[in-house]
């Protein structure tokens, strides 16, 4: 039920994007790529829907959760719904302290209440994707077996 309502919210707020179920490192065409073979994804875990990443070469999805990097074989990847993909309709915008600009892409939900947004950052020279948690005033990213908290990050946003 949460996944369906989140998909509906994403369609209404972010035209041209959709979530496609996949697994084991596979990704469909038009997937939002952050870095070579690193893609925007989300996974259901302990009742939450958490934004994170898929790394094709490791055949897994990764999310930040309760201090650690959680690995999961099943996920949904963010895709453009047209042949041209996401193109120039979306961009990464700098932000901080849990803030997100107007038209930020919704990526998930925590504790059945709090909307999570899609964030991007760099850790040890690698682009990573994770969750922006406005209530906690920061973003969290999965990398190296741990959850990394950051006050500054980029947000995926629909251009006006």
C-alpha atoms as a PDB file:
ATOM      1  CA  UNK A   1       0.000   0.000   0.000  1.00  0.00           C
ATOM      2  CA  UNK A   2       2.756   2.482   0.854  1.00  0.00           C
ATOM      3  CA  UNK A   3       4.542   1.745  -2.415  1.00  0.00           C
ATOM      4  CA  UNK A   4       1.400   2.391  -4.430  1.00  0.00           C
ATOM      5  CA  UNK A   5       0.644   5.661  -2.642  1.00  0.00           C
ATOM      6  CA  UNK A   6       4.280   6.774  -2.987  1.00  0.00           C
ATOM      7  CA  UNK A   7       4.192   5.946  -6.714  1.00  0.00           C
ATOM      8  CA  UNK A   8       1.009   7.984  -7.052  1.00  0.00           C
ATOM      9  CA  UNK A   9       2.607  10.902  -5.215  1.00  0.00           C
ATOM     10  CA  UNK A  10       5.692  10.695  -7.433  1.00  0.00           C
ATOM     11  CA  UNK A  11       3.596  10.707 -10.635  1.00  0.00           C
ATOM     12  CA  UNK A  12       1.554  13.683  -9.490  1.00  0.00           C
ATOM     13  CA  UNK A  13       4.523  15.744  -8.299  1.00  0.00           C
ATOM     14  CA  UNK A  14       7.174  14.668 -10.822  1.00  0.00           C
ATOM     15  CA  UNK A  15       5.870  14.178 -14.356  1.00  0.00           C
ATOM     16  CA  UNK A  16       8.157  12.213 -16.621  1.00  0.00           C
ATOM     17  CA  UNK A  17       9.504   9.985 -13.833  1.00  0.00           C
ATOM     18  CA  UNK A  18       8.461   6.553 -12.615  1.00  0.00           C
ATOM     19  CA  UNK A  19       9.717   3.735 -10.380  1.00  0.00           C
ATOM     20  CA  UNK A  20      10.418   0.364 -12.011  1.00  0.00           C
ATOM     21  CA  UNK A  21      10.909  -2.809  -9.967  1.00  0.00           C
ATOM     22  CA  UNK A  22      14.081  -4.748 -10.661  1.00  0.00           C
ATOM     23  CA  UNK A  23      16.678  -6.847  -8.866  1.00  0.00           C
ATOM     24  CA  UNK A  24      20.214  -8.237  -8.691  1.00  0.00           C
ATOM     25  CA  UNK A  25      21.956  -5.284 -10.338  1.00  0.00           C
ATOM     26  CA  UNK A  26      19.725  -5.073 -13.401  1.00  0.00           C
ATOM     27  CA  UNK A  27      18.361  -1.700 -14.475  1.00  0.00           C
ATOM     28  CA  UNK A  28      15.903  -0.852 -17.269  1.00  0.00           C
ATOM     29  CA  UNK A  29      16.511   1.774 -19.975  1.00  0.00           C
ATOM     30  CA  UNK A  30      16.228   5.471 -19.056  1.00  0.00           C
ATOM     31  CA  UNK A  31      17.298   4.883 -15.449  1.00  0.00           C
ATOM     32  CA  UNK A  32      18.613   7.970 -13.628  1.00  0.00           C
ATOM     33  CA  UNK A  33      22.378   7.378 -13.507  1.00  0.00           C
ATOM     34  CA  UNK A  34      24.486   9.241 -10.964  1.00  0.00           C
ATOM     35  CA  UNK A  35      27.897   7.868 -11.870  1.00  0.00           C
ATOM     36  CA  UNK A  36      29.118   4.997 -14.030  1.00  0.00           C
ATOM     37  CA  UNK A  37      26.771   2.092 -13.135  1.00  0.00           C
ATOM     38  CA  UNK A  38      25.416   3.831 -10.000  1.00  0.00           C
ATOM     39  CA  UNK A  39      21.677   4.558 -10.228  1.00  0.00           C
ATOM     40  CA  UNK A  40      18.956   6.266  -8.175  1.00  0.00           C
ATOM     41  CA  UNK A  41      16.807   3.657  -6.426  1.00  0.00           C
ATOM     42  CA  UNK A  42      14.608   3.050  -3.416  1.00  0.00           C
ATOM     43  CA  UNK A  43      13.973  -0.022  -1.313  1.00  0.00           C
ATOM     44  CA  UNK A  44      11.390  -1.139   1.194  1.00  0.00           C
ATOM     45  CA  UNK A  45      12.960  -1.996   4.542  1.00  0.00           C
ATOM     46  CA  UNK A  46      11.361  -2.460   7.979  1.00  0.00           C
ATOM     47  CA  UNK A  47       8.176  -0.735   6.823  1.00  0.00           C
ATOM     48  CA  UNK A  48       9.928   2.317   5.362  1.00  0.00           C
ATOM     49  CA  UNK A  49      10.572   3.183   1.724  1.00  0.00           C
ATOM     50  CA  UNK A  50      14.124   4.509   1.613  1.00  0.00           C
ATOM     51  CA  UNK A  51      15.959   6.265  -1.244  1.00  0.00           C
ATOM     52  CA  UNK A  52      19.377   4.858  -2.069  1.00  0.00           C
ATOM     53  CA  UNK A  53      21.420   3.505  -4.931  1.00  0.00           C
ATOM     54  CA  UNK A  54      21.917   0.475  -7.145  1.00  0.00           C
ATOM     55  CA  UNK A  55      25.480  -0.428  -8.081  1.00  0.00           C
ATOM     56  CA  UNK A  56      25.274  -2.750 -11.088  1.00  0.00           C
ATOM     57  CA  UNK A  57      28.714  -4.328 -10.703  1.00  0.00           C
ATOM     58  CA  UNK A  58      27.853  -5.498  -7.163  1.00  0.00           C
ATOM     59  CA  UNK A  59      24.345  -6.617  -8.237  1.00  0.00           C
ATOM     60  CA  UNK A  60      22.716  -4.986  -5.185  1.00  0.00           C
ATOM     61  CA  UNK A  61      20.808  -1.977  -3.973  1.00  0.00           C
ATOM     62  CA  UNK A  62      22.034  -0.011  -0.955  1.00  0.00           C
ATOM     63  CA  UNK A  63      20.233   2.236   1.520  1.00  0.00           C
ATOM     64  CA  UNK A  64      21.308   4.158   4.612  1.00  0.00           C
ATOM     65  CA  UNK A  65      19.465   2.850   7.668  1.00  0.00           C
ATOM     66  CA  UNK A  66      20.064   3.166  11.418  1.00  0.00           C
ATOM     67  CA  UNK A  67      23.794   3.797  11.162  1.00  0.00           C
ATOM     68  CA  UNK A  68      24.661   1.250   8.517  1.00  0.00           C
ATOM     69  CA  UNK A  69      24.607   0.565   4.796  1.00  0.00           C
ATOM     70  CA  UNK A  70      21.936  -2.063   4.131  1.00  0.00           C
ATOM     71  CA  UNK A  71      22.347  -4.276   1.030  1.00  0.00           C
ATOM     72  CA  UNK A  72      19.202  -5.559  -0.688  1.00  0.00           C
ATOM     73  CA  UNK A  73      18.765  -7.592  -3.901  1.00  0.00           C
ATOM     74  CA  UNK A  74      15.318  -6.142  -4.776  1.00  0.00           C
ATOM     75  CA  UNK A  75      14.631  -2.474  -5.432  1.00  0.00           C
ATOM     76  CA  UNK A  76      12.843   0.079  -7.584  1.00  0.00           C
ATOM     77  CA  UNK A  77      14.919   2.306  -9.868  1.00  0.00           C
ATOM     78  CA  UNK A  78      13.982   5.820 -10.901  1.00  0.00           C
ATOM     79  CA  UNK A  79      13.436   6.091 -14.656  1.00  0.00           C
ATOM     80  CA  UNK A  80      12.368   8.633 -17.196  1.00  0.00           C
ATOM     81  CA  UNK A  81       9.009   7.657 -18.672  1.00  0.00           C
ATOM     82  CA  UNK A  82       9.818   8.822 -22.204  1.00  0.00           C
ATOM     83  CA  UNK A  83      12.425   7.670 -24.714  1.00  0.00           C
ATOM     84  CA  UNK A  84      14.473  10.782 -24.021  1.00  0.00           C
ATOM     85  CA  UNK A  85      14.773   9.782 -20.351  1.00  0.00           C
ATOM     86  CA  UNK A  86      15.074  12.448 -17.691  1.00  0.00           C
ATOM     87  CA  UNK A  87      17.017  14.822 -19.916  1.00  0.00           C
ATOM     88  CA  UNK A  88      16.913  18.501 -19.041  1.00  0.00           C
ATOM     89  CA  UNK A  89      13.675  18.323 -17.037  1.00  0.00           C
ATOM     90  CA  UNK A  90      15.500  17.521 -13.792  1.00  0.00           C
ATOM     91  CA  UNK A  91      18.687  18.754 -12.163  1.00  0.00           C
ATOM     92  CA  UNK A  92      20.748  18.406  -8.984  1.00  0.00           C
ATOM     93  CA  UNK A  93      20.571  21.499  -6.747  1.00  0.00           C
ATOM     94  CA  UNK A  94      22.780  22.266  -3.736  1.00  0.00           C
ATOM     95  CA  UNK A  95      21.061  22.483  -0.349  1.00  0.00           C
ATOM     96  CA  UNK A  96      21.732  21.869   3.344  1.00  0.00           C
ATOM     97  CA  UNK A  97      20.386  21.116   6.843  1.00  0.00           C
ATOM     98  CA  UNK A  98      17.428  19.003   5.707  1.00  0.00           C
ATOM     99  CA  UNK A  99      16.092  21.711   3.414  1.00  0.00           C
ATOM    100  CA  UNK A 100      14.784  20.909  -0.060  1.00  0.00           C
ATOM    101  CA  UNK A 101      13.758  23.345  -2.798  1.00  0.00           C
ATOM    102  CA  UNK A 102      10.371  23.544  -4.436  1.00  0.00           C
ATOM    103  CA  UNK A 103       9.826  20.643  -6.873  1.00  0.00           C
ATOM    104  CA  UNK A 104      12.243  18.299  -5.070  1.00  0.00           C
ATOM    105  CA  UNK A 105      11.721  14.671  -6.125  1.00  0.00           C
ATOM    106  CA  UNK A 106       9.997  12.563  -3.472  1.00  0.00           C
ATOM    107  CA  UNK A 107      11.894   9.327  -2.922  1.00  0.00           C
ATOM    108  CA  UNK A 108      10.295   7.601   0.039  1.00  0.00           C
ATOM    109  CA  UNK A 109       8.638   7.692   3.417  1.00  0.00           C
ATOM    110  CA  UNK A 110       9.845   6.972   6.959  1.00  0.00           C
ATOM    111  CA  UNK A 111       7.754   5.821   9.922  1.00  0.00           C
ATOM    112  CA  UNK A 112       4.610   6.039   7.730  1.00  0.00           C
ATOM    113  CA  UNK A 113       4.743   9.802   8.208  1.00  0.00           C
ATOM    114  CA  UNK A 114       7.866  11.607   7.024  1.00  0.00           C
ATOM    115  CA  UNK A 115       8.535  12.277   3.351  1.00  0.00           C
ATOM    116  CA  UNK A 116      12.103  11.504   2.249  1.00  0.00           C
ATOM    117  CA  UNK A 117      13.751  13.151  -0.741  1.00  0.00           C
ATOM    118  CA  UNK A 118      16.526  11.999  -3.083  1.00  0.00           C
ATOM    119  CA  UNK A 119      19.954  13.323  -2.209  1.00  0.00           C
ATOM    120  CA  UNK A 120      23.387  13.041  -3.777  1.00  0.00           C
ATOM    121  CA  UNK A 121      26.851  13.586  -2.351  1.00  0.00           C
ATOM    122  CA  UNK A 122      30.445  12.448  -2.734  1.00  0.00           C
ATOM    123  CA  UNK A 123      32.216  10.125  -0.291  1.00  0.00           C
ATOM    124  CA  UNK A 124      35.875   9.224  -0.881  1.00  0.00           C
ATOM    125  CA  UNK A 125      35.610  10.363  -4.496  1.00  0.00           C
ATOM    126  CA  UNK A 126      32.481   8.306  -5.274  1.00  0.00           C
ATOM    127  CA  UNK A 127      29.049   9.715  -6.098  1.00  0.00           C
ATOM    128  CA  UNK A 128      26.461   8.312  -3.693  1.00  0.00           C
ATOM    129  CA  UNK A 129      22.678   8.558  -3.484  1.00  0.00           C
ATOM    130  CA  UNK A 130      20.666   8.524  -0.289  1.00  0.00           C
ATOM    131  CA  UNK A 131      17.825  10.054   1.667  1.00  0.00           C
ATOM    132  CA  UNK A 132      17.239  13.626   2.718  1.00  0.00           C
ATOM    133  CA  UNK A 133      15.326  13.626   6.000  1.00  0.00           C
ATOM    134  CA  UNK A 134      13.945  17.153   6.545  1.00  0.00           C
ATOM    135  CA  UNK A 135      12.739  16.383  10.080  1.00  0.00           C
ATOM    136  CA  UNK A 136      16.269  15.355  11.145  1.00  0.00           C
ATOM    137  CA  UNK A 137      17.866  18.298   9.335  1.00  0.00           C
ATOM    138  CA  UNK A 138      20.336  16.335   7.220  1.00  0.00           C
ATOM    139  CA  UNK A 139      20.884  13.714   4.541  1.00  0.00           C
ATOM    140  CA  UNK A 140      22.122  10.142   4.965  1.00  0.00           C
ATOM    141  CA  UNK A 141      24.162   8.172   2.450  1.00  0.00           C
ATOM    142  CA  UNK A 142      25.161   4.484   2.230  1.00  0.00           C
ATOM    143  CA  UNK A 143      28.847   3.826   1.666  1.00  0.00           C
ATOM    144  CA  UNK A 144      31.474   1.385   2.916  1.00  0.00           C
ATOM    145  CA  UNK A 145      29.105  -0.553   5.174  1.00  0.00           C
ATOM    146  CA  UNK A 146      28.014   2.541   7.098  1.00  0.00           C
ATOM    147  CA  UNK A 147      25.406   5.297   7.001  1.00  0.00           C
ATOM    148  CA  UNK A 148      27.077   8.687   6.498  1.00  0.00           C
ATOM    149  CA  UNK A 149      25.322  11.820   7.781  1.00  0.00           C
ATOM    150  CA  UNK A 150      25.838  15.046   5.835  1.00  0.00           C
ATOM    151  CA  UNK A 151      24.567  18.569   6.381  1.00  0.00           C
ATOM    152  CA  UNK A 152      25.361  19.631   2.798  1.00  0.00           C
ATOM    153  CA  UNK A 153      24.185  17.677  -0.252  1.00  0.00           C
ATOM    154  CA  UNK A 154      22.440  17.959  -3.612  1.00  0.00           C
ATOM    155  CA  UNK A 155      18.719  17.404  -4.183  1.00  0.00           C
ATOM    156  CA  UNK A 156      17.109  16.016  -7.354  1.00  0.00           C
ATOM    157  CA  UNK A 157      14.666  18.719  -8.500  1.00  0.00           C
ATOM    158  CA  UNK A 158      12.242  19.209 -11.403  1.00  0.00           C
ATOM    159  CA  UNK A 159      13.055  22.361 -13.374  1.00  0.00           C
ATOM    160  CA  UNK A 160      10.298  24.935 -13.735  1.00  0.00           C
END
